[in-house]
Structures are given as C-alpha cells and as structure tokens.
N, C-alpha and C. Protein backbone atom coordinates (compact mmCIF):
# COMPACT_ATOMS: atom_id res chain seq x y z
N UNK A 1 -45.14 -13.63 -46.11
CA UNK A 1 -44.14 -13.17 -45.16
C UNK A 1 -42.75 -13.63 -45.59
N UNK A 2 -41.81 -12.72 -45.62
CA UNK A 2 -40.43 -13.06 -45.99
C UNK A 2 -39.77 -13.75 -44.80
N UNK A 3 -39.02 -14.81 -45.09
CA UNK A 3 -38.42 -15.53 -43.97
C UNK A 3 -36.97 -15.92 -44.20
N UNK A 4 -36.57 -16.10 -45.43
CA UNK A 4 -35.27 -16.69 -45.69
C UNK A 4 -34.19 -15.66 -45.99
N UNK A 5 -32.98 -16.02 -45.56
CA UNK A 5 -31.77 -15.26 -45.90
C UNK A 5 -31.02 -16.08 -46.93
N UNK A 6 -30.53 -15.45 -48.00
CA UNK A 6 -29.91 -16.19 -49.10
C UNK A 6 -28.66 -15.48 -49.62
N UNK A 7 -27.81 -16.27 -50.29
CA UNK A 7 -26.68 -15.73 -51.04
C UNK A 7 -26.92 -16.14 -52.49
N UNK A 8 -26.83 -15.19 -53.41
CA UNK A 8 -27.20 -15.44 -54.81
C UNK A 8 -26.01 -15.62 -55.73
N UNK A 9 -26.14 -16.60 -56.63
CA UNK A 9 -25.16 -16.83 -57.69
C UNK A 9 -25.63 -16.14 -58.97
N UNK A 10 -24.72 -15.96 -59.89
CA UNK A 10 -25.02 -15.21 -61.11
C UNK A 10 -26.13 -15.84 -61.96
N UNK A 11 -26.15 -17.17 -62.09
CA UNK A 11 -27.14 -17.80 -62.97
C UNK A 11 -28.57 -17.51 -62.51
N UNK A 12 -28.80 -17.50 -61.20
CA UNK A 12 -30.13 -17.18 -60.68
C UNK A 12 -30.48 -15.72 -60.95
N UNK A 13 -29.54 -14.83 -60.71
CA UNK A 13 -29.78 -13.41 -60.93
C UNK A 13 -30.08 -13.13 -62.41
N UNK A 14 -29.27 -13.70 -63.28
CA UNK A 14 -29.44 -13.49 -64.73
C UNK A 14 -30.75 -14.11 -65.20
N UNK A 15 -31.01 -15.35 -64.78
CA UNK A 15 -32.24 -16.04 -65.18
C UNK A 15 -33.49 -15.27 -64.79
N UNK A 16 -33.52 -14.80 -63.54
CA UNK A 16 -34.68 -14.04 -63.08
C UNK A 16 -34.80 -12.71 -63.83
N UNK A 17 -33.68 -12.07 -64.12
CA UNK A 17 -33.70 -10.81 -64.88
C UNK A 17 -34.23 -11.05 -66.29
N UNK A 18 -33.82 -12.15 -66.91
CA UNK A 18 -34.24 -12.44 -68.28
C UNK A 18 -35.75 -12.61 -68.41
N UNK A 19 -36.37 -13.14 -67.36
CA UNK A 19 -37.82 -13.37 -67.42
C UNK A 19 -38.60 -12.29 -66.65
N UNK A 20 -37.91 -11.18 -66.36
CA UNK A 20 -38.51 -10.04 -65.67
C UNK A 20 -39.12 -10.41 -64.31
N UNK A 21 -38.41 -11.27 -63.58
CA UNK A 21 -38.86 -11.69 -62.24
C UNK A 21 -37.79 -11.42 -61.18
N UNK A 22 -36.87 -10.52 -61.46
CA UNK A 22 -35.77 -10.22 -60.54
C UNK A 22 -36.28 -9.75 -59.18
N UNK A 23 -37.40 -9.00 -59.20
CA UNK A 23 -37.95 -8.46 -57.96
C UNK A 23 -38.44 -9.54 -57.01
N UNK A 24 -38.60 -10.76 -57.49
CA UNK A 24 -39.00 -11.86 -56.59
C UNK A 24 -37.98 -12.02 -55.47
N UNK A 25 -36.72 -11.73 -55.76
CA UNK A 25 -35.68 -11.84 -54.72
C UNK A 25 -35.99 -10.88 -53.57
N UNK A 26 -36.36 -9.68 -53.89
CA UNK A 26 -36.70 -8.69 -52.87
C UNK A 26 -37.99 -9.08 -52.15
N UNK A 27 -38.96 -9.58 -52.92
CA UNK A 27 -40.27 -9.87 -52.36
C UNK A 27 -40.32 -11.14 -51.52
N UNK A 28 -39.44 -12.09 -51.81
CA UNK A 28 -39.48 -13.39 -51.13
C UNK A 28 -38.51 -13.52 -49.97
N UNK A 29 -37.37 -12.83 -50.05
CA UNK A 29 -36.31 -13.07 -49.08
C UNK A 29 -36.05 -11.85 -48.20
N UNK A 30 -35.80 -12.12 -46.94
CA UNK A 30 -35.58 -11.04 -45.97
C UNK A 30 -34.21 -10.39 -46.17
N UNK A 31 -33.22 -11.20 -46.56
CA UNK A 31 -31.88 -10.68 -46.86
C UNK A 31 -31.33 -11.43 -48.07
N UNK A 32 -30.79 -10.67 -49.02
CA UNK A 32 -30.18 -11.25 -50.22
C UNK A 32 -28.75 -10.72 -50.30
N UNK A 33 -27.79 -11.64 -50.23
CA UNK A 33 -26.37 -11.28 -50.26
C UNK A 33 -25.76 -11.64 -51.60
N UNK A 34 -24.73 -10.90 -51.93
CA UNK A 34 -24.05 -11.05 -53.21
C UNK A 34 -22.55 -11.00 -52.97
N UNK A 35 -21.82 -12.10 -53.21
CA UNK A 35 -20.37 -12.03 -53.06
C UNK A 35 -19.76 -11.20 -54.20
N UNK A 36 -18.58 -10.67 -53.96
CA UNK A 36 -17.93 -9.79 -54.94
C UNK A 36 -17.70 -10.45 -56.29
N UNK A 37 -17.34 -11.73 -56.30
CA UNK A 37 -17.08 -12.41 -57.58
C UNK A 37 -18.34 -12.45 -58.44
N UNK A 38 -19.50 -12.63 -57.82
CA UNK A 38 -20.76 -12.65 -58.57
C UNK A 38 -21.09 -11.25 -59.06
N UNK A 39 -20.87 -10.25 -58.22
CA UNK A 39 -21.09 -8.87 -58.64
C UNK A 39 -20.21 -8.55 -59.86
N UNK A 40 -18.93 -8.91 -59.77
CA UNK A 40 -18.00 -8.65 -60.89
C UNK A 40 -18.46 -9.35 -62.17
N UNK A 41 -18.90 -10.60 -62.01
CA UNK A 41 -19.32 -11.39 -63.16
C UNK A 41 -20.54 -10.79 -63.86
N UNK A 42 -21.52 -10.36 -63.07
CA UNK A 42 -22.78 -9.89 -63.66
C UNK A 42 -22.78 -8.39 -63.94
N UNK A 43 -22.34 -7.59 -62.99
CA UNK A 43 -22.46 -6.13 -63.12
C UNK A 43 -21.27 -5.48 -63.82
N UNK A 44 -20.08 -6.07 -63.71
CA UNK A 44 -18.90 -5.47 -64.33
C UNK A 44 -18.61 -6.13 -65.69
N UNK A 45 -18.26 -7.43 -65.66
CA UNK A 45 -17.96 -8.12 -66.93
C UNK A 45 -19.20 -8.24 -67.80
N UNK A 46 -20.38 -8.35 -67.17
CA UNK A 46 -21.63 -8.49 -67.92
C UNK A 46 -22.39 -7.18 -68.08
N UNK A 47 -21.67 -6.08 -67.96
CA UNK A 47 -22.30 -4.75 -68.07
C UNK A 47 -23.19 -4.71 -69.31
N UNK A 48 -24.38 -4.20 -69.16
CA UNK A 48 -25.40 -4.07 -70.21
C UNK A 48 -26.04 -5.41 -70.60
N UNK A 49 -25.66 -6.50 -69.92
CA UNK A 49 -26.32 -7.79 -70.13
C UNK A 49 -27.43 -7.94 -69.09
N UNK A 50 -28.24 -8.99 -69.24
CA UNK A 50 -29.34 -9.25 -68.29
C UNK A 50 -28.79 -9.37 -66.87
N UNK A 51 -29.43 -8.68 -65.95
CA UNK A 51 -29.05 -8.75 -64.54
C UNK A 51 -28.18 -7.61 -64.07
N UNK A 52 -27.43 -7.01 -64.96
CA UNK A 52 -26.47 -5.98 -64.56
C UNK A 52 -27.15 -4.73 -64.00
N UNK A 53 -28.11 -4.18 -64.74
CA UNK A 53 -28.82 -2.99 -64.25
C UNK A 53 -29.66 -3.32 -63.01
N UNK A 54 -30.26 -4.51 -63.01
CA UNK A 54 -31.08 -4.93 -61.88
C UNK A 54 -30.25 -5.01 -60.60
N UNK A 55 -29.04 -5.55 -60.71
CA UNK A 55 -28.16 -5.65 -59.54
C UNK A 55 -27.78 -4.27 -59.03
N UNK A 56 -27.37 -3.40 -59.93
CA UNK A 56 -26.98 -2.05 -59.52
C UNK A 56 -28.14 -1.32 -58.84
N UNK A 57 -29.35 -1.43 -59.40
CA UNK A 57 -30.52 -0.78 -58.80
C UNK A 57 -30.83 -1.37 -57.43
N UNK A 58 -30.76 -2.69 -57.31
CA UNK A 58 -31.08 -3.36 -56.04
C UNK A 58 -30.07 -2.99 -54.95
N UNK A 59 -28.81 -2.84 -55.34
CA UNK A 59 -27.79 -2.43 -54.36
C UNK A 59 -28.06 -0.99 -53.92
N UNK A 60 -28.36 -0.11 -54.89
CA UNK A 60 -28.68 1.29 -54.56
C UNK A 60 -29.91 1.37 -53.66
N UNK A 61 -30.90 0.52 -53.93
CA UNK A 61 -32.14 0.50 -53.12
C UNK A 61 -31.93 -0.13 -51.75
N UNK A 62 -30.79 -0.80 -51.57
CA UNK A 62 -30.44 -1.33 -50.26
C UNK A 62 -30.95 -2.72 -49.91
N UNK A 63 -31.59 -3.41 -50.86
CA UNK A 63 -32.08 -4.75 -50.52
C UNK A 63 -31.16 -5.87 -51.03
N UNK A 64 -30.22 -5.57 -51.87
CA UNK A 64 -29.21 -6.54 -52.31
C UNK A 64 -27.90 -6.08 -51.70
N UNK A 65 -27.30 -6.94 -50.89
CA UNK A 65 -26.15 -6.55 -50.08
C UNK A 65 -24.87 -7.23 -50.56
N UNK A 66 -23.91 -6.41 -51.04
CA UNK A 66 -22.60 -6.95 -51.43
C UNK A 66 -21.83 -7.30 -50.16
N UNK A 67 -21.19 -8.45 -50.19
CA UNK A 67 -20.49 -8.93 -49.00
C UNK A 67 -19.16 -9.57 -49.40
N UNK A 68 -18.14 -9.32 -48.60
CA UNK A 68 -16.82 -9.91 -48.84
C UNK A 68 -16.73 -11.25 -48.14
N UNK A 69 -16.22 -12.24 -48.85
CA UNK A 69 -15.98 -13.56 -48.26
C UNK A 69 -14.68 -13.48 -47.47
N UNK A 70 -14.70 -14.00 -46.25
CA UNK A 70 -13.51 -13.94 -45.39
C UNK A 70 -12.53 -15.08 -45.66
N UNK A 71 -13.04 -16.29 -45.87
CA UNK A 71 -12.18 -17.47 -45.99
C UNK A 71 -11.76 -17.71 -47.44
N UNK A 72 -10.73 -16.97 -47.87
CA UNK A 72 -10.26 -17.11 -49.25
C UNK A 72 -9.58 -18.44 -49.51
N UNK A 73 -9.05 -19.06 -48.48
CA UNK A 73 -8.43 -20.39 -48.64
C UNK A 73 -9.50 -21.39 -49.07
N UNK A 74 -10.64 -21.35 -48.41
CA UNK A 74 -11.75 -22.25 -48.77
C UNK A 74 -12.27 -21.96 -50.17
N UNK A 75 -12.38 -20.68 -50.51
CA UNK A 75 -12.83 -20.31 -51.86
C UNK A 75 -11.86 -20.86 -52.90
N UNK A 76 -10.55 -20.67 -52.66
CA UNK A 76 -9.55 -21.15 -53.62
C UNK A 76 -9.58 -22.67 -53.74
N UNK A 77 -9.85 -23.36 -52.65
CA UNK A 77 -9.95 -24.83 -52.70
C UNK A 77 -11.12 -25.24 -53.58
N UNK A 78 -12.24 -24.56 -53.45
CA UNK A 78 -13.41 -24.91 -54.26
C UNK A 78 -13.24 -24.56 -55.74
N UNK A 79 -12.42 -23.57 -56.04
CA UNK A 79 -12.26 -23.17 -57.44
C UNK A 79 -11.54 -24.23 -58.27
N UNK A 80 -11.04 -25.27 -57.63
CA UNK A 80 -10.51 -26.39 -58.42
C UNK A 80 -11.66 -27.17 -59.07
N UNK A 81 -12.86 -27.05 -58.51
CA UNK A 81 -14.05 -27.74 -59.04
C UNK A 81 -15.07 -26.79 -59.66
N UNK A 82 -15.14 -25.58 -59.13
CA UNK A 82 -16.21 -24.65 -59.49
C UNK A 82 -15.63 -23.31 -59.93
N UNK A 83 -16.49 -22.47 -60.46
CA UNK A 83 -16.10 -21.11 -60.79
C UNK A 83 -15.93 -20.29 -59.52
N UNK A 84 -15.28 -19.16 -59.66
CA UNK A 84 -15.04 -18.27 -58.51
C UNK A 84 -16.35 -17.81 -57.86
N UNK A 85 -17.32 -17.44 -58.68
CA UNK A 85 -18.60 -16.97 -58.15
C UNK A 85 -19.32 -18.03 -57.34
N UNK A 86 -19.42 -19.23 -57.89
CA UNK A 86 -20.08 -20.33 -57.18
C UNK A 86 -19.34 -20.66 -55.88
N UNK A 87 -18.02 -20.65 -55.95
CA UNK A 87 -17.22 -20.93 -54.76
C UNK A 87 -17.47 -19.90 -53.68
N UNK A 88 -17.49 -18.62 -54.05
CA UNK A 88 -17.76 -17.56 -53.08
C UNK A 88 -19.18 -17.65 -52.53
N UNK A 89 -20.14 -18.01 -53.36
CA UNK A 89 -21.53 -18.14 -52.89
C UNK A 89 -21.61 -19.20 -51.79
N UNK A 90 -21.00 -20.35 -52.02
CA UNK A 90 -21.06 -21.45 -51.06
C UNK A 90 -20.36 -21.08 -49.75
N UNK A 91 -19.17 -20.52 -49.85
CA UNK A 91 -18.42 -20.18 -48.63
C UNK A 91 -19.11 -19.03 -47.88
N UNK A 92 -19.61 -18.03 -48.61
CA UNK A 92 -20.32 -16.93 -47.96
C UNK A 92 -21.60 -17.44 -47.28
N UNK A 93 -22.27 -18.36 -47.91
CA UNK A 93 -23.49 -18.94 -47.32
C UNK A 93 -23.14 -19.62 -45.98
N UNK A 94 -21.99 -20.30 -45.94
CA UNK A 94 -21.55 -20.93 -44.69
C UNK A 94 -21.18 -19.87 -43.65
N UNK A 95 -20.43 -18.85 -44.08
CA UNK A 95 -19.98 -17.82 -43.15
C UNK A 95 -21.15 -17.05 -42.52
N UNK A 96 -22.15 -16.75 -43.34
CA UNK A 96 -23.28 -15.95 -42.86
C UNK A 96 -24.39 -16.82 -42.25
N UNK A 97 -24.23 -18.13 -42.41
CA UNK A 97 -25.23 -19.09 -41.93
C UNK A 97 -26.63 -18.75 -42.45
N UNK A 98 -26.71 -18.50 -43.75
CA UNK A 98 -27.99 -18.19 -44.39
C UNK A 98 -28.79 -19.48 -44.58
N UNK A 99 -30.03 -19.31 -44.99
CA UNK A 99 -30.91 -20.46 -45.20
C UNK A 99 -30.60 -21.20 -46.49
N UNK A 100 -30.28 -20.45 -47.55
CA UNK A 100 -30.05 -21.07 -48.87
C UNK A 100 -28.98 -20.33 -49.65
N UNK A 101 -28.30 -21.10 -50.50
CA UNK A 101 -27.48 -20.53 -51.56
C UNK A 101 -28.32 -20.67 -52.82
N UNK A 102 -28.49 -19.59 -53.56
CA UNK A 102 -29.25 -19.62 -54.80
C UNK A 102 -28.31 -20.05 -55.93
N UNK A 103 -28.36 -21.32 -56.27
CA UNK A 103 -27.44 -21.90 -57.24
C UNK A 103 -28.22 -22.84 -58.15
N UNK A 104 -27.94 -22.79 -59.45
CA UNK A 104 -28.60 -23.69 -60.39
C UNK A 104 -27.71 -24.83 -60.89
N UNK A 105 -26.42 -24.59 -61.03
CA UNK A 105 -25.54 -25.60 -61.62
C UNK A 105 -25.45 -26.84 -60.73
N UNK A 106 -25.58 -27.99 -61.35
CA UNK A 106 -25.63 -29.27 -60.63
C UNK A 106 -24.36 -29.52 -59.80
N UNK A 107 -23.18 -29.34 -60.38
CA UNK A 107 -21.95 -29.61 -59.65
C UNK A 107 -21.84 -28.71 -58.42
N UNK A 108 -22.16 -27.44 -58.59
CA UNK A 108 -22.09 -26.50 -57.47
C UNK A 108 -23.10 -26.87 -56.38
N UNK A 109 -24.27 -27.33 -56.79
CA UNK A 109 -25.28 -27.76 -55.81
C UNK A 109 -24.79 -28.99 -55.05
N UNK A 110 -24.14 -29.90 -55.76
CA UNK A 110 -23.61 -31.11 -55.12
C UNK A 110 -22.53 -30.75 -54.10
N UNK A 111 -21.63 -29.84 -54.48
CA UNK A 111 -20.56 -29.41 -53.57
C UNK A 111 -21.17 -28.70 -52.35
N UNK A 112 -22.14 -27.84 -52.60
CA UNK A 112 -22.81 -27.14 -51.49
C UNK A 112 -23.43 -28.16 -50.53
N UNK A 113 -24.06 -29.16 -51.07
CA UNK A 113 -24.68 -30.19 -50.24
C UNK A 113 -23.66 -30.91 -49.36
N UNK A 114 -22.50 -31.21 -49.94
CA UNK A 114 -21.43 -31.85 -49.17
C UNK A 114 -20.97 -30.97 -48.02
N UNK A 115 -21.09 -29.66 -48.18
CA UNK A 115 -20.68 -28.71 -47.15
C UNK A 115 -21.86 -28.26 -46.27
N UNK A 116 -22.96 -29.00 -46.37
CA UNK A 116 -24.17 -28.71 -45.58
C UNK A 116 -24.76 -27.33 -45.85
N UNK A 117 -24.68 -26.90 -47.10
CA UNK A 117 -25.32 -25.65 -47.51
C UNK A 117 -26.52 -26.03 -48.37
N UNK A 118 -27.71 -25.63 -47.93
CA UNK A 118 -28.92 -25.91 -48.71
C UNK A 118 -28.98 -24.98 -49.91
N UNK A 119 -29.52 -25.50 -51.00
CA UNK A 119 -29.60 -24.70 -52.22
C UNK A 119 -31.04 -24.64 -52.74
N UNK A 120 -31.28 -23.60 -53.50
CA UNK A 120 -32.53 -23.45 -54.24
C UNK A 120 -32.14 -22.75 -55.54
N UNK A 121 -32.79 -23.12 -56.62
CA UNK A 121 -32.49 -22.51 -57.91
C UNK A 121 -33.65 -21.68 -58.42
N UNK A 122 -33.54 -21.25 -59.65
CA UNK A 122 -34.58 -20.41 -60.25
C UNK A 122 -35.94 -21.11 -60.21
N UNK A 123 -35.97 -22.39 -60.55
CA UNK A 123 -37.25 -23.10 -60.54
C UNK A 123 -37.83 -23.16 -59.13
N UNK A 124 -36.98 -23.34 -58.14
CA UNK A 124 -37.42 -23.35 -56.75
C UNK A 124 -37.95 -21.99 -56.32
N UNK A 125 -37.31 -20.93 -56.80
CA UNK A 125 -37.76 -19.57 -56.49
C UNK A 125 -39.14 -19.33 -57.10
N UNK A 126 -39.33 -19.79 -58.34
CA UNK A 126 -40.63 -19.65 -59.00
C UNK A 126 -41.69 -20.43 -58.22
N UNK A 127 -41.36 -21.65 -57.82
CA UNK A 127 -42.31 -22.46 -57.03
C UNK A 127 -42.65 -21.78 -55.71
N UNK A 128 -41.64 -21.23 -55.05
CA UNK A 128 -41.85 -20.54 -53.77
C UNK A 128 -42.77 -19.33 -53.97
N UNK A 129 -42.54 -18.59 -55.05
CA UNK A 129 -43.36 -17.41 -55.33
C UNK A 129 -44.82 -17.81 -55.57
N UNK A 130 -45.03 -18.87 -56.32
CA UNK A 130 -46.39 -19.35 -56.59
C UNK A 130 -47.05 -19.79 -55.28
N UNK A 131 -46.29 -20.51 -54.47
CA UNK A 131 -46.79 -20.98 -53.16
C UNK A 131 -47.19 -19.79 -52.27
N UNK A 132 -46.43 -18.68 -52.39
CA UNK A 132 -46.70 -17.49 -51.57
C UNK A 132 -47.81 -16.62 -52.17
N UNK A 133 -48.38 -17.07 -53.30
CA UNK A 133 -49.52 -16.36 -53.86
C UNK A 133 -49.24 -15.41 -55.01
N UNK A 134 -48.00 -15.39 -55.51
CA UNK A 134 -47.69 -14.55 -56.66
C UNK A 134 -48.33 -15.15 -57.90
N UNK A 135 -48.86 -14.30 -58.75
CA UNK A 135 -49.50 -14.77 -59.98
C UNK A 135 -48.44 -14.94 -61.06
N UNK A 136 -48.03 -16.19 -61.26
CA UNK A 136 -46.99 -16.49 -62.24
C UNK A 136 -47.44 -17.65 -63.10
N UNK A 137 -47.32 -17.50 -64.41
CA UNK A 137 -47.60 -18.59 -65.33
C UNK A 137 -46.31 -19.43 -65.43
N UNK A 138 -46.28 -20.51 -64.66
CA UNK A 138 -45.06 -21.31 -64.53
C UNK A 138 -44.57 -21.83 -65.87
N UNK A 139 -45.45 -22.36 -66.69
CA UNK A 139 -45.02 -22.90 -67.99
C UNK A 139 -44.43 -21.79 -68.86
N UNK A 140 -45.08 -20.63 -68.84
CA UNK A 140 -44.61 -19.50 -69.66
C UNK A 140 -43.20 -19.08 -69.23
N UNK A 141 -42.97 -18.90 -67.92
CA UNK A 141 -41.65 -18.44 -67.49
C UNK A 141 -40.58 -19.51 -67.69
N UNK A 142 -40.93 -20.77 -67.52
CA UNK A 142 -39.94 -21.83 -67.75
C UNK A 142 -39.63 -21.94 -69.24
N UNK A 143 -40.64 -21.80 -70.09
CA UNK A 143 -40.38 -21.78 -71.54
C UNK A 143 -39.51 -20.58 -71.92
N UNK A 144 -39.74 -19.42 -71.26
CA UNK A 144 -38.90 -18.25 -71.52
C UNK A 144 -37.45 -18.54 -71.12
N UNK A 145 -37.27 -19.14 -69.94
CA UNK A 145 -35.92 -19.49 -69.49
C UNK A 145 -35.23 -20.39 -70.50
N UNK A 146 -35.95 -21.42 -70.94
CA UNK A 146 -35.38 -22.34 -71.94
C UNK A 146 -35.00 -21.58 -73.22
N UNK A 147 -35.84 -20.63 -73.59
CA UNK A 147 -35.58 -19.82 -74.78
C UNK A 147 -34.31 -18.99 -74.65
N UNK A 148 -33.96 -18.62 -73.42
CA UNK A 148 -32.73 -17.87 -73.17
C UNK A 148 -31.52 -18.78 -72.99
N UNK A 149 -31.73 -20.09 -73.16
CA UNK A 149 -30.61 -21.03 -73.06
C UNK A 149 -30.43 -21.62 -71.68
N UNK A 150 -31.37 -21.38 -70.78
CA UNK A 150 -31.33 -21.95 -69.44
C UNK A 150 -31.54 -23.46 -69.58
N UNK A 151 -30.63 -24.23 -69.01
CA UNK A 151 -30.69 -25.69 -69.19
C UNK A 151 -31.68 -26.33 -68.23
N UNK A 152 -32.71 -26.90 -68.81
CA UNK A 152 -33.68 -27.70 -68.07
C UNK A 152 -33.83 -28.99 -68.86
N UNK A 153 -33.48 -30.10 -68.25
CA UNK A 153 -33.52 -31.37 -68.98
C UNK A 153 -34.94 -31.69 -69.43
N UNK A 154 -35.03 -32.45 -70.51
CA UNK A 154 -36.34 -32.87 -71.01
C UNK A 154 -37.06 -33.69 -69.94
N UNK A 155 -36.30 -34.50 -69.21
CA UNK A 155 -36.87 -35.34 -68.15
C UNK A 155 -37.53 -34.47 -67.07
N UNK A 156 -36.82 -33.43 -66.63
CA UNK A 156 -37.37 -32.54 -65.61
C UNK A 156 -38.57 -31.77 -66.15
N UNK A 157 -38.47 -31.31 -67.38
CA UNK A 157 -39.57 -30.56 -68.00
C UNK A 157 -40.83 -31.42 -68.05
N UNK A 158 -40.67 -32.68 -68.46
CA UNK A 158 -41.82 -33.60 -68.53
C UNK A 158 -42.37 -33.91 -67.13
N UNK A 159 -41.50 -33.92 -66.13
CA UNK A 159 -41.94 -34.15 -64.76
C UNK A 159 -42.77 -32.96 -64.26
N UNK A 160 -42.34 -31.74 -64.62
CA UNK A 160 -43.06 -30.53 -64.20
C UNK A 160 -44.38 -30.39 -64.98
N UNK A 161 -44.30 -30.67 -66.27
CA UNK A 161 -45.47 -30.52 -67.16
C UNK A 161 -45.74 -31.84 -67.87
N UNK A 162 -46.32 -32.81 -67.19
CA UNK A 162 -46.52 -34.14 -67.78
C UNK A 162 -47.44 -34.15 -69.00
N UNK A 163 -48.30 -33.16 -69.14
CA UNK A 163 -49.24 -33.14 -70.27
C UNK A 163 -48.69 -32.44 -71.50
N UNK A 164 -47.47 -31.88 -71.40
CA UNK A 164 -46.92 -31.18 -72.57
C UNK A 164 -46.29 -32.22 -73.51
N UNK A 165 -46.26 -31.85 -74.78
CA UNK A 165 -45.68 -32.79 -75.75
C UNK A 165 -44.27 -32.50 -76.08
C-alpha cells in the first residue's frame, strides 16, 4: 500500500533511472513532487541523460507532479550552502508538508534535518521496496549505482554487505 508523499531531488531520480528502478517512485509513493529547479536540472540541462525521459513520461502519465516553490527567500538563503535543486526540494517539502524529501547528498540531508524535514535516499527507497515485497537484488543494484559513480562509502558498503570482500 502506498502511503508517503515525497519531493524528489535530481540525484535520486537519476540514480533510480540508471538502475532501471525509476518506477519504484510511482509504485511506492502516493504523491511524488518535483520542484522546477530539479526538473530543469534533469529534464532540460540533462536532456538525453539518465532520468530525463523518465521524468517527462512520468509527468505526462500524471504521477510525477511539477510544483512551484512559493518561498523564494528561503530557497535563496539555502543556496548559500546547497544547490538550487536541493534548496527547492527542502523548502517545497516544508511547504507541502510531505513525509520525506528524497535527497542523497549528506550536506543537504543535514540541512533538511535542521529544518525538520525527514529524508530518504536511493538506498532507503531500495530498502522500502524490498520491505514492501518487490523482488530486488540489493547487492546487484547497489553495485550498479557504484558503477555509475554513485558515492557509497566503503564503510557503509561493508555495513550493508558484511560478507563482501
């Protein structure tokens, strides 16, 4: 059963697209929002890159919702620490009072936490999907992410897969 409302950042969208798991967003979450800065980053500037076609299709299908952030002053304040997309994700998550901001970058997650915005990243989405009964080879998809340059520390990798060498 879908229960959560989320706002997605580009790294999560791109990461899931790279491992062909983009549809997990539709399957797991009741509402998925996308601020304009993230749309511009992935679908316009990243045209023909991973995530771009998936975003356009999801918007056309009506399950990925583009949304304008109202508080531009707050967004501009955050852009002193974060990128425009991450800043818009955090502020939009607050404005819409969603359950999670889908963010992977550590600094952005820390800032979100300070603003009482809960976060979940690609690994959390994969864990949630497995918990909900989706058949996913966790090691395979995490190795694929790493192969695409997705940063997962050796410490975290060993924690997830203690028997790997």
